N, C-alpha and C. Protein backbone atom coordinates (compact mmCIF):
# COMPACT_ATOMS: atom_id res chain seq x y z
N MET A 1 -126.12 -154.74 -22.79
CA MET A 1 -124.94 -154.01 -23.20
C MET A 1 -124.41 -153.21 -22.01
N ASN A 2 -123.16 -153.40 -21.65
CA ASN A 2 -122.54 -152.66 -20.57
C ASN A 2 -121.97 -151.36 -21.13
N MET A 3 -122.23 -150.28 -20.43
CA MET A 3 -121.74 -148.98 -20.87
C MET A 3 -120.77 -148.43 -19.84
N VAL A 4 -119.87 -147.59 -20.31
CA VAL A 4 -118.96 -146.86 -19.46
C VAL A 4 -119.06 -145.38 -19.82
N ASP A 5 -118.90 -144.53 -18.83
CA ASP A 5 -119.07 -143.10 -18.96
C ASP A 5 -117.70 -142.42 -18.96
N LEU A 6 -117.37 -141.71 -20.04
CA LEU A 6 -116.17 -140.87 -20.09
C LEU A 6 -116.64 -139.48 -19.67
N ILE A 7 -116.17 -139.03 -18.52
CA ILE A 7 -116.62 -137.77 -17.96
C ILE A 7 -115.51 -136.73 -18.18
N LEU A 8 -115.84 -135.73 -18.98
CA LEU A 8 -114.91 -134.63 -19.27
C LEU A 8 -115.27 -133.43 -18.42
N THR A 9 -114.30 -132.85 -17.74
CA THR A 9 -114.50 -131.56 -17.10
C THR A 9 -113.96 -130.53 -18.08
N VAL A 10 -114.87 -129.69 -18.58
CA VAL A 10 -114.50 -128.71 -19.61
C VAL A 10 -114.77 -127.29 -19.11
N CYS A 11 -113.93 -126.37 -19.58
CA CYS A 11 -114.05 -124.96 -19.20
C CYS A 11 -114.03 -124.11 -20.45
N LEU A 12 -114.70 -122.96 -20.36
CA LEU A 12 -114.65 -122.01 -21.48
C LEU A 12 -113.24 -121.48 -21.64
N VAL A 13 -112.76 -121.41 -22.87
CA VAL A 13 -111.44 -120.84 -23.15
C VAL A 13 -111.42 -119.37 -22.71
N ALA A 14 -112.50 -118.65 -23.00
CA ALA A 14 -112.58 -117.22 -22.67
C ALA A 14 -112.79 -116.95 -21.18
N ASN A 15 -113.25 -117.96 -20.43
CA ASN A 15 -113.52 -117.80 -19.00
C ASN A 15 -113.19 -119.12 -18.30
N PRO A 16 -111.91 -119.35 -17.98
CA PRO A 16 -111.49 -120.63 -17.43
C PRO A 16 -112.17 -121.03 -16.11
N GLY A 17 -112.82 -120.10 -15.45
CA GLY A 17 -113.54 -120.42 -14.22
C GLY A 17 -114.92 -120.99 -14.46
N ALA A 18 -115.40 -120.93 -15.68
CA ALA A 18 -116.74 -121.44 -16.03
C ALA A 18 -116.57 -122.86 -16.57
N CYS A 19 -116.74 -123.84 -15.68
CA CYS A 19 -116.54 -125.24 -16.04
C CYS A 19 -117.79 -126.06 -15.82
N ARG A 20 -117.86 -127.19 -16.51
CA ARG A 20 -118.97 -128.12 -16.36
C ARG A 20 -118.49 -129.50 -16.78
N ASP A 21 -119.26 -130.50 -16.46
CA ASP A 21 -118.97 -131.87 -16.87
C ASP A 21 -119.76 -132.23 -18.12
N GLU A 22 -119.12 -132.92 -19.03
CA GLU A 22 -119.74 -133.49 -20.22
C GLU A 22 -119.56 -135.00 -20.13
N HIS A 23 -120.54 -135.75 -20.63
CA HIS A 23 -120.51 -137.20 -20.55
C HIS A 23 -120.55 -137.81 -21.94
N LEU A 24 -119.61 -138.71 -22.22
CA LEU A 24 -119.58 -139.50 -23.45
C LEU A 24 -119.67 -140.96 -23.03
N TYR A 25 -120.44 -141.76 -23.75
CA TYR A 25 -120.66 -143.15 -23.36
C TYR A 25 -120.08 -144.11 -24.38
N PHE A 26 -119.54 -145.24 -23.88
CA PHE A 26 -118.95 -146.28 -24.70
C PHE A 26 -119.46 -147.64 -24.26
N GLU A 27 -119.43 -148.61 -25.18
CA GLU A 27 -119.62 -150.00 -24.79
C GLU A 27 -118.36 -150.42 -24.05
N SER A 28 -118.52 -151.09 -22.92
CA SER A 28 -117.36 -151.38 -22.10
C SER A 28 -116.99 -152.85 -22.02
N ASN A 29 -117.91 -153.74 -22.38
CA ASN A 29 -117.66 -155.18 -22.19
C ASN A 29 -117.33 -155.46 -20.74
N GLY A 30 -117.87 -154.64 -19.83
CA GLY A 30 -117.69 -154.84 -18.39
C GLY A 30 -116.40 -154.31 -17.82
N GLN A 31 -115.61 -153.56 -18.60
CA GLN A 31 -114.31 -153.08 -18.11
C GLN A 31 -114.13 -151.59 -18.36
N LEU A 32 -113.59 -150.92 -17.36
CA LEU A 32 -113.28 -149.49 -17.51
C LEU A 32 -112.03 -149.27 -18.37
N MET A 33 -111.20 -150.29 -18.50
CA MET A 33 -109.97 -150.13 -19.29
C MET A 33 -110.26 -149.76 -20.74
N ASN A 34 -111.37 -150.24 -21.29
CA ASN A 34 -111.73 -149.87 -22.67
C ASN A 34 -111.88 -148.36 -22.79
N CYS A 35 -112.46 -147.75 -21.79
CA CYS A 35 -112.62 -146.29 -21.77
C CYS A 35 -111.25 -145.61 -21.76
N MET A 36 -110.33 -146.13 -20.96
CA MET A 36 -109.00 -145.54 -20.86
C MET A 36 -108.28 -145.56 -22.22
N PHE A 37 -108.47 -146.64 -22.97
CA PHE A 37 -107.81 -146.76 -24.27
C PHE A 37 -108.48 -145.91 -25.33
N LEU A 38 -109.80 -145.79 -25.28
CA LEU A 38 -110.54 -145.03 -26.28
C LEU A 38 -110.58 -143.53 -25.99
N ALA A 39 -110.37 -143.15 -24.74
CA ALA A 39 -110.55 -141.76 -24.33
C ALA A 39 -109.72 -140.75 -25.11
N PRO A 40 -108.40 -140.92 -25.26
CA PRO A 40 -107.62 -139.86 -25.92
C PRO A 40 -108.13 -139.48 -27.32
N SER A 41 -108.47 -140.47 -28.13
CA SER A 41 -108.94 -140.13 -29.48
C SER A 41 -110.33 -139.51 -29.44
N GLU A 42 -111.17 -139.96 -28.54
CA GLU A 42 -112.51 -139.37 -28.42
C GLU A 42 -112.45 -137.95 -27.87
N ILE A 43 -111.54 -137.71 -26.94
CA ILE A 43 -111.36 -136.36 -26.40
C ILE A 43 -110.86 -135.42 -27.50
N ALA A 44 -109.94 -135.90 -28.33
CA ALA A 44 -109.44 -135.08 -29.44
C ALA A 44 -110.56 -134.73 -30.41
N LYS A 45 -111.39 -135.71 -30.77
CA LYS A 45 -112.54 -135.44 -31.67
C LYS A 45 -113.49 -134.45 -31.04
N TRP A 46 -113.83 -134.67 -29.76
CA TRP A 46 -114.77 -133.78 -29.07
C TRP A 46 -114.20 -132.37 -29.02
N SER A 47 -112.92 -132.24 -28.74
CA SER A 47 -112.28 -130.92 -28.65
C SER A 47 -112.32 -130.18 -29.98
N GLN A 48 -112.15 -130.89 -31.09
CA GLN A 48 -112.22 -130.26 -32.40
C GLN A 48 -113.62 -129.75 -32.69
N GLN A 49 -114.63 -130.44 -32.19
CA GLN A 49 -116.02 -130.03 -32.41
C GLN A 49 -116.47 -128.94 -31.46
N HIS A 50 -115.69 -128.67 -30.41
CA HIS A 50 -116.05 -127.67 -29.40
C HIS A 50 -114.84 -126.77 -29.13
N PRO A 51 -114.46 -125.94 -30.11
CA PRO A 51 -113.22 -125.13 -29.98
C PRO A 51 -113.27 -124.06 -28.89
N LYS A 52 -114.45 -123.70 -28.40
CA LYS A 52 -114.53 -122.68 -27.36
C LYS A 52 -114.40 -123.27 -25.95
N LEU A 53 -114.25 -124.61 -25.88
CA LEU A 53 -114.12 -125.29 -24.61
C LEU A 53 -112.78 -126.02 -24.54
N LYS A 54 -112.21 -126.07 -23.33
CA LYS A 54 -110.95 -126.79 -23.12
C LYS A 54 -111.17 -127.88 -22.09
N VAL A 55 -110.71 -129.09 -22.39
CA VAL A 55 -110.83 -130.21 -21.46
C VAL A 55 -109.75 -130.05 -20.39
N LYS A 56 -110.18 -129.90 -19.15
CA LYS A 56 -109.26 -129.73 -18.02
C LYS A 56 -108.82 -131.07 -17.46
N ARG A 57 -109.78 -132.02 -17.37
CA ARG A 57 -109.47 -133.36 -16.87
C ARG A 57 -110.56 -134.31 -17.35
N TRP A 58 -110.28 -135.58 -17.20
CA TRP A 58 -111.25 -136.59 -17.61
C TRP A 58 -111.09 -137.82 -16.71
N ARG A 59 -112.17 -138.60 -16.67
CA ARG A 59 -112.15 -139.84 -15.90
C ARG A 59 -113.18 -140.80 -16.48
N CYS A 60 -113.04 -142.04 -16.16
CA CYS A 60 -113.98 -143.08 -16.61
C CYS A 60 -114.71 -143.64 -15.40
N ALA A 61 -115.98 -143.93 -15.59
CA ALA A 61 -116.77 -144.51 -14.52
C ALA A 61 -117.93 -145.28 -15.15
N PHE A 62 -118.51 -146.20 -14.38
CA PHE A 62 -119.72 -146.83 -14.84
C PHE A 62 -120.86 -145.85 -14.62
N PRO A 63 -121.81 -145.72 -15.56
CA PRO A 63 -122.91 -144.77 -15.40
C PRO A 63 -123.64 -145.00 -14.08
N GLY A 64 -123.87 -143.89 -13.38
CA GLY A 64 -124.57 -143.96 -12.10
C GLY A 64 -123.64 -144.17 -10.92
N ARG A 65 -122.37 -144.39 -11.18
CA ARG A 65 -121.37 -144.54 -10.11
C ARG A 65 -120.30 -143.49 -10.34
N GLN A 66 -119.72 -142.99 -9.28
CA GLN A 66 -118.65 -142.01 -9.39
C GLN A 66 -117.31 -142.61 -9.02
N GLN A 67 -117.02 -143.79 -9.54
CA GLN A 67 -115.79 -144.48 -9.26
C GLN A 67 -114.75 -144.12 -10.33
N ASP A 68 -113.69 -143.47 -9.93
CA ASP A 68 -112.61 -143.11 -10.85
C ASP A 68 -111.63 -144.28 -10.96
N ILE A 69 -110.93 -144.33 -12.10
CA ILE A 69 -109.86 -145.31 -12.21
C ILE A 69 -108.56 -144.58 -12.51
């Protein structure tokens, strides 16, 4: 099974300088484009579950690689 990593850079709403990366994984079928299509709805769900954090940016990469698309 090929996986792709949706990497969210998130910051505290109360302290925008306190940021970290969060990782969500998807089946990719060997393509990063699947992540690009699935990302907006997954980011919305994640944001609803984490109201004290704000997603500043996101990117897709294969796990273990830092290749942005």
